Structures are given as structure tokens and as C-alpha cells.
Amino acid sequence: MNFNLTKPCKDCPFRKDVDSYLRKARVSELERVLVREQGTFTCHKTNDYSDEEVRETQKSEHCAGAMILLEKIGRPNQMMRIAERCRAYDHRKLDMEAPVFDSFAEMRKAQKS
């Protein structure tokens, strides 16, 4: 996984200026994976959709919206920290002014169901 994206795409689920399309339970699952389990979240635009199974590739990127939210709450995941130590990620390049939620609680509250 790469860490080159610096701003969220136009339909990133972490953006607060787009219509919500996740369920509250999915937001809680993302919080669990990203914060408690220190997992990653691939930008949906960088995955391979060529067959029935969605796959990450060598070109897959970590979601910028997720990285921005994690940096906002002071909880970059383990892979972000490792990538930063290896100089494959620089948190200073993130667009921290992008319209990304300030917390998972705010993100959950914005979802419709």
C-alpha cells in the first residue's frame, strides 16, 4: 500500500461535504479497524475491480480522508507511522483544510441510518 494521496477524492466517505452513504455501524467498524486494530483503509479509486473480487494492487493507496481524520484525532495508524519512518509518507503534505470529519463520532452522527 502506498501513502501518496494528500487530499480526499470527491466521494470519499470521510468527507463531510458529500451526502452520507455509510451506515452508522460501518463508521463504527472503520473506527475499530483504523484506531483499535491499527488497520488500513484503501482508497476505493485505487483498487482493482476487474473481476468479482475487489483487490488491492501495488498501486493501491491509503485513503487520504482516513489519514486526515486519523491525524486530526492524533491517532495515525501503525502503517502510517511505519511509512513515515521509512519516508514513504509525510503527514505535513496532507490537506488538513479538506472538508473531512473531525472525529468518528461526528462522522457517525452525519450518517442517515
N, C-alpha and C. Protein backbone atom coordinates (compact mmCIF):
# COMPACT_ATOMS: atom_id res chain seq x y z
N MET A 1 0.84 -1.18 0.00
CA MET A 1 0.00 0.00 0.00
C MET A 1 0.88 1.24 0.00
N ASN A 2 0.42 2.23 -0.74
CA ASN A 2 1.15 3.49 -0.85
C ASN A 2 0.46 4.58 -0.02
N PHE A 3 1.19 5.63 0.26
CA PHE A 3 0.70 6.73 1.09
C PHE A 3 0.93 8.06 0.39
N ASN A 4 0.60 8.13 -0.90
CA ASN A 4 0.89 9.31 -1.70
C ASN A 4 -0.25 10.30 -1.79
N LEU A 5 -1.48 9.88 -1.50
CA LEU A 5 -2.62 10.79 -1.62
C LEU A 5 -2.56 11.84 -0.51
N THR A 6 -2.91 13.07 -0.85
CA THR A 6 -2.84 14.16 0.12
C THR A 6 -4.18 14.82 0.39
N LYS A 7 -5.17 14.55 -0.46
CA LYS A 7 -6.50 15.10 -0.24
C LYS A 7 -7.54 14.07 -0.64
N PRO A 8 -8.71 14.11 -0.02
CA PRO A 8 -9.72 13.10 -0.31
C PRO A 8 -10.34 13.29 -1.70
N CYS A 9 -10.74 12.19 -2.31
CA CYS A 9 -11.42 12.27 -3.60
C CYS A 9 -12.82 12.86 -3.41
N LYS A 10 -13.50 13.14 -4.49
CA LYS A 10 -14.79 13.84 -4.41
C LYS A 10 -15.88 13.02 -3.73
N ASP A 11 -15.79 11.69 -3.71
CA ASP A 11 -16.79 10.89 -3.00
C ASP A 11 -16.22 10.11 -1.83
N CYS A 12 -15.18 10.59 -1.25
CA CYS A 12 -14.57 9.93 -0.10
C CYS A 12 -15.58 9.87 1.06
N PRO A 13 -15.73 8.71 1.69
CA PRO A 13 -16.69 8.60 2.80
C PRO A 13 -16.30 9.41 4.04
N PHE A 14 -15.07 9.91 4.07
CA PHE A 14 -14.61 10.70 5.22
C PHE A 14 -14.88 12.20 5.03
N ARG A 15 -15.41 12.58 3.87
CA ARG A 15 -15.74 13.99 3.60
C ARG A 15 -17.06 14.35 4.26
N LYS A 16 -17.10 15.54 4.82
CA LYS A 16 -18.34 15.98 5.45
C LYS A 16 -19.18 16.86 4.54
N ASP A 17 -18.72 17.11 3.33
CA ASP A 17 -19.47 17.94 2.40
C ASP A 17 -20.14 17.13 1.29
N VAL A 18 -20.23 15.82 1.44
CA VAL A 18 -20.96 14.98 0.48
C VAL A 18 -22.10 14.28 1.21
N ASP A 19 -23.11 13.88 0.47
CA ASP A 19 -24.22 13.15 1.09
C ASP A 19 -23.70 11.86 1.70
N SER A 20 -24.12 11.59 2.91
CA SER A 20 -23.66 10.39 3.60
C SER A 20 -24.21 9.15 2.90
N TYR A 21 -23.41 8.12 2.88
CA TYR A 21 -23.86 6.88 2.25
C TYR A 21 -23.43 5.64 3.03
N LEU A 22 -22.85 5.85 4.20
CA LEU A 22 -22.49 4.73 5.06
C LEU A 22 -23.52 4.58 6.18
N ARG A 23 -23.62 3.38 6.71
CA ARG A 23 -24.44 3.19 7.90
C ARG A 23 -23.58 3.51 9.12
N LYS A 24 -24.23 3.89 10.19
CA LYS A 24 -23.51 4.20 11.43
C LYS A 24 -22.64 3.02 11.87
N ALA A 25 -23.16 1.80 11.68
CA ALA A 25 -22.40 0.61 12.05
C ALA A 25 -21.11 0.49 11.24
N ARG A 26 -21.16 0.90 9.97
CA ARG A 26 -19.95 0.85 9.12
C ARG A 26 -18.92 1.85 9.62
N VAL A 27 -19.37 3.02 10.05
CA VAL A 27 -18.44 4.02 10.59
C VAL A 27 -17.79 3.47 11.86
N SER A 28 -18.57 2.81 12.70
CA SER A 28 -18.01 2.21 13.92
C SER A 28 -17.00 1.12 13.56
N GLU A 29 -17.30 0.37 12.51
CA GLU A 29 -16.36 -0.67 12.05
C GLU A 29 -15.07 -0.04 11.55
N LEU A 30 -15.17 1.05 10.79
CA LEU A 30 -13.97 1.74 10.32
C LEU A 30 -13.15 2.26 11.49
N GLU A 31 -13.81 2.80 12.49
CA GLU A 31 -13.09 3.28 13.68
C GLU A 31 -12.37 2.13 14.37
N ARG A 32 -13.05 1.01 14.50
CA ARG A 32 -12.44 -0.17 15.14
C ARG A 32 -11.20 -0.61 14.36
N VAL A 33 -11.34 -0.75 13.05
CA VAL A 33 -10.23 -1.22 12.21
C VAL A 33 -9.07 -0.23 12.22
N LEU A 34 -9.37 1.05 12.02
CA LEU A 34 -8.31 2.05 11.88
C LEU A 34 -7.66 2.46 13.20
N VAL A 35 -8.43 2.54 14.27
CA VAL A 35 -7.89 3.04 15.53
C VAL A 35 -7.51 1.89 16.46
N ARG A 36 -8.44 1.03 16.76
CA ARG A 36 -8.14 -0.02 17.74
C ARG A 36 -7.27 -1.14 17.17
N GLU A 37 -7.56 -1.54 15.92
CA GLU A 37 -6.80 -2.65 15.32
C GLU A 37 -5.61 -2.16 14.51
N GLN A 38 -5.48 -0.82 14.34
CA GLN A 38 -4.36 -0.23 13.62
C GLN A 38 -4.29 -0.70 12.17
N GLY A 39 -5.46 -0.95 11.56
CA GLY A 39 -5.51 -1.39 10.18
C GLY A 39 -5.44 -0.23 9.20
N THR A 40 -5.63 -0.53 7.94
CA THR A 40 -5.57 0.46 6.88
C THR A 40 -6.91 0.52 6.15
N PHE A 41 -7.06 1.53 5.31
CA PHE A 41 -8.27 1.68 4.50
C PHE A 41 -7.83 2.18 3.13
N THR A 42 -8.02 1.35 2.13
CA THR A 42 -7.57 1.67 0.79
C THR A 42 -8.57 2.60 0.10
N CYS A 43 -8.06 3.58 -0.61
CA CYS A 43 -8.91 4.45 -1.42
C CYS A 43 -9.60 3.59 -2.48
N HIS A 44 -10.93 3.67 -2.54
CA HIS A 44 -11.69 2.83 -3.46
C HIS A 44 -11.32 3.08 -4.92
N LYS A 45 -10.80 4.23 -5.22
CA LYS A 45 -10.44 4.53 -6.61
C LYS A 45 -9.11 3.90 -7.02
N THR A 46 -8.39 3.31 -6.09
CA THR A 46 -7.08 2.74 -6.41
C THR A 46 -7.08 1.22 -6.34
N ASN A 47 -8.24 0.62 -6.16
CA ASN A 47 -8.35 -0.84 -6.14
C ASN A 47 -8.59 -1.39 -7.53
N ASP A 48 -8.40 -2.69 -7.70
CA ASP A 48 -8.65 -3.38 -8.96
C ASP A 48 -10.05 -3.99 -8.90
N TYR A 49 -10.92 -3.58 -9.81
CA TYR A 49 -12.29 -4.09 -9.88
C TYR A 49 -12.51 -4.93 -11.14
N SER A 50 -11.46 -5.52 -11.67
CA SER A 50 -11.55 -6.21 -12.95
C SER A 50 -12.31 -7.53 -12.89
N ASP A 51 -12.48 -8.11 -11.72
CA ASP A 51 -13.29 -9.32 -11.62
C ASP A 51 -14.23 -9.18 -10.43
N GLU A 52 -14.84 -10.26 -10.02
CA GLU A 52 -15.87 -10.20 -8.97
C GLU A 52 -15.32 -9.80 -7.60
N GLU A 53 -14.05 -10.01 -7.37
CA GLU A 53 -13.45 -9.69 -6.08
C GLU A 53 -12.63 -8.41 -6.18
N VAL A 54 -12.87 -7.49 -5.27
CA VAL A 54 -12.09 -6.25 -5.23
C VAL A 54 -10.72 -6.57 -4.67
N ARG A 55 -9.69 -6.08 -5.34
CA ARG A 55 -8.32 -6.40 -4.91
C ARG A 55 -7.47 -5.15 -4.78
N GLU A 56 -6.61 -5.17 -3.78
CA GLU A 56 -5.58 -4.15 -3.69
C GLU A 56 -4.47 -4.56 -4.65
N THR A 57 -3.78 -3.57 -5.17
CA THR A 57 -2.66 -3.83 -6.08
C THR A 57 -1.43 -3.09 -5.56
N GLN A 58 -0.34 -3.20 -6.28
CA GLN A 58 0.86 -2.46 -5.90
C GLN A 58 0.66 -0.96 -6.05
N LYS A 59 -0.37 -0.56 -6.79
CA LYS A 59 -0.67 0.86 -6.98
C LYS A 59 -1.73 1.37 -6.00
N SER A 60 -2.25 0.51 -5.15
CA SER A 60 -3.29 0.93 -4.21
C SER A 60 -2.73 1.94 -3.22
N GLU A 61 -3.58 2.90 -2.87
CA GLU A 61 -3.20 3.99 -1.98
C GLU A 61 -4.07 3.98 -0.73
N HIS A 62 -3.48 4.36 0.39
CA HIS A 62 -4.26 4.54 1.62
C HIS A 62 -5.16 5.75 1.41
N CYS A 63 -6.39 5.66 1.85
CA CYS A 63 -7.37 6.73 1.70
C CYS A 63 -6.88 8.00 2.40
N ALA A 64 -6.82 9.10 1.64
CA ALA A 64 -6.37 10.37 2.21
C ALA A 64 -7.34 10.88 3.27
N GLY A 65 -8.65 10.71 3.04
CA GLY A 65 -9.64 11.14 4.02
C GLY A 65 -9.45 10.44 5.36
N ALA A 66 -9.18 9.15 5.30
CA ALA A 66 -8.93 8.39 6.53
C ALA A 66 -7.66 8.89 7.23
N MET A 67 -6.61 9.14 6.45
CA MET A 67 -5.37 9.62 7.05
C MET A 67 -5.57 11.00 7.69
N ILE A 68 -6.32 11.86 7.03
CA ILE A 68 -6.56 13.20 7.58
C ILE A 68 -7.33 13.10 8.88
N LEU A 69 -8.40 12.29 8.89
CA LEU A 69 -9.17 12.13 10.13
C LEU A 69 -8.29 11.56 11.24
N LEU A 70 -7.50 10.55 10.94
CA LEU A 70 -6.62 9.95 11.96
C LEU A 70 -5.60 10.96 12.48
N GLU A 71 -5.07 11.79 11.61
CA GLU A 71 -4.13 12.83 12.05
C GLU A 71 -4.86 13.87 12.90
N LYS A 72 -6.10 14.22 12.53
CA LYS A 72 -6.86 15.20 13.31
C LYS A 72 -7.08 14.73 14.75
N ILE A 73 -7.32 13.43 14.92
CA ILE A 73 -7.58 12.92 16.27
C ILE A 73 -6.30 12.46 16.96
N GLY A 74 -5.16 12.66 16.30
CA GLY A 74 -3.88 12.29 16.91
C GLY A 74 -3.67 10.80 17.02
N ARG A 75 -4.26 10.03 16.06
CA ARG A 75 -4.15 8.58 16.12
C ARG A 75 -3.76 7.96 14.78
N PRO A 76 -2.64 8.41 14.19
CA PRO A 76 -2.24 7.77 12.93
C PRO A 76 -2.04 6.28 13.16
N ASN A 77 -2.48 5.47 12.20
CA ASN A 77 -2.38 4.02 12.41
C ASN A 77 -0.92 3.56 12.28
N GLN A 78 -0.70 2.32 12.62
CA GLN A 78 0.65 1.78 12.66
C GLN A 78 1.34 1.86 11.29
N MET A 79 0.60 1.55 10.22
CA MET A 79 1.23 1.59 8.89
C MET A 79 1.59 3.01 8.48
N MET A 80 0.79 3.99 8.89
CA MET A 80 1.14 5.38 8.61
C MET A 80 2.43 5.75 9.33
N ARG A 81 2.56 5.32 10.59
CA ARG A 81 3.77 5.64 11.36
C ARG A 81 4.99 4.95 10.77
N ILE A 82 4.83 3.68 10.36
CA ILE A 82 5.94 2.95 9.75
C ILE A 82 6.34 3.62 8.43
N ALA A 83 5.34 3.94 7.61
CA ALA A 83 5.62 4.59 6.32
C ALA A 83 6.32 5.93 6.53
N GLU A 84 5.94 6.65 7.58
CA GLU A 84 6.58 7.94 7.84
C GLU A 84 8.04 7.74 8.24
N ARG A 85 8.31 6.73 9.05
CA ARG A 85 9.70 6.46 9.44
C ARG A 85 10.54 6.05 8.23
N CYS A 86 9.90 5.38 7.26
CA CYS A 86 10.60 4.95 6.04
C CYS A 86 10.59 6.03 4.96
N ARG A 87 10.05 7.18 5.30
CA ARG A 87 9.94 8.32 4.37
C ARG A 87 9.06 8.03 3.16
N ALA A 88 8.08 7.16 3.36
CA ALA A 88 7.12 6.86 2.31
C ALA A 88 5.81 7.62 2.54
N TYR A 89 5.74 8.38 3.62
CA TYR A 89 4.56 9.15 3.99
C TYR A 89 5.02 10.38 4.77
N ASP A 90 4.41 11.51 4.46
CA ASP A 90 4.72 12.75 5.18
C ASP A 90 3.40 13.41 5.56
N HIS A 91 3.06 13.37 6.84
CA HIS A 91 1.78 13.91 7.29
C HIS A 91 1.66 15.41 6.99
N ARG A 92 2.77 16.10 6.84
CA ARG A 92 2.74 17.54 6.57
C ARG A 92 2.21 17.87 5.18
N LYS A 93 2.19 16.87 4.30
CA LYS A 93 1.68 17.08 2.94
C LYS A 93 0.17 16.92 2.84
N LEU A 94 -0.47 16.39 3.88
CA LEU A 94 -1.92 16.21 3.85
C LEU A 94 -2.62 17.57 3.81
N ASP A 95 -3.71 17.64 3.08
CA ASP A 95 -4.52 18.85 3.03
C ASP A 95 -5.44 18.84 4.26
N MET A 96 -4.94 19.39 5.35
CA MET A 96 -5.70 19.38 6.61
C MET A 96 -6.87 20.36 6.57
N GLU A 97 -6.97 21.16 5.52
CA GLU A 97 -8.12 22.06 5.35
C GLU A 97 -9.23 21.41 4.53
N ALA A 98 -8.99 20.20 4.04
CA ALA A 98 -10.01 19.49 3.27
C ALA A 98 -11.24 19.24 4.16
N PRO A 99 -12.42 19.19 3.57
CA PRO A 99 -13.65 19.02 4.35
C PRO A 99 -13.83 17.58 4.86
N VAL A 100 -12.98 17.18 5.78
CA VAL A 100 -13.00 15.84 6.37
C VAL A 100 -13.55 15.96 7.79
N PHE A 101 -14.31 14.96 8.20
CA PHE A 101 -14.84 14.95 9.57
C PHE A 101 -13.71 15.13 10.58
N ASP A 102 -14.05 15.72 11.72
CA ASP A 102 -13.08 15.94 12.79
C ASP A 102 -12.98 14.77 13.75
N SER A 103 -13.94 13.85 13.69
CA SER A 103 -13.94 12.68 14.58
C SER A 103 -14.85 11.61 14.01
N PHE A 104 -14.70 10.40 14.49
CA PHE A 104 -15.60 9.32 14.08
C PHE A 104 -17.00 9.57 14.64
N ALA A 105 -17.10 10.18 15.81
CA ALA A 105 -18.41 10.49 16.38
C ALA A 105 -19.16 11.46 15.46
N GLU A 106 -18.47 12.49 14.98
CA GLU A 106 -19.10 13.44 14.05
C GLU A 106 -19.50 12.73 12.76
N MET A 107 -18.66 11.83 12.30
CA MET A 107 -18.94 11.08 11.06
C MET A 107 -20.18 10.20 11.26
N ARG A 108 -20.25 9.51 12.40
CA ARG A 108 -21.41 8.65 12.70
C ARG A 108 -22.70 9.48 12.74
N LYS A 109 -22.64 10.62 13.40
CA LYS A 109 -23.80 11.49 13.56
C LYS A 109 -24.34 11.97 12.21
N ALA A 110 -23.47 12.14 11.24
CA ALA A 110 -23.86 12.63 9.91
C ALA A 110 -24.53 11.58 9.04
N GLN A 111 -24.38 10.31 9.40
CA GLN A 111 -24.94 9.25 8.56
C GLN A 111 -26.46 9.17 8.74
N LYS A 112 -27.15 8.75 7.72
CA LYS A 112 -28.62 8.76 7.72
C LYS A 112 -29.25 7.68 8.57
N SER A 113 -28.63 6.54 8.65
CA SER A 113 -29.26 5.47 9.44
C SER A 113 -28.30 4.82 10.38
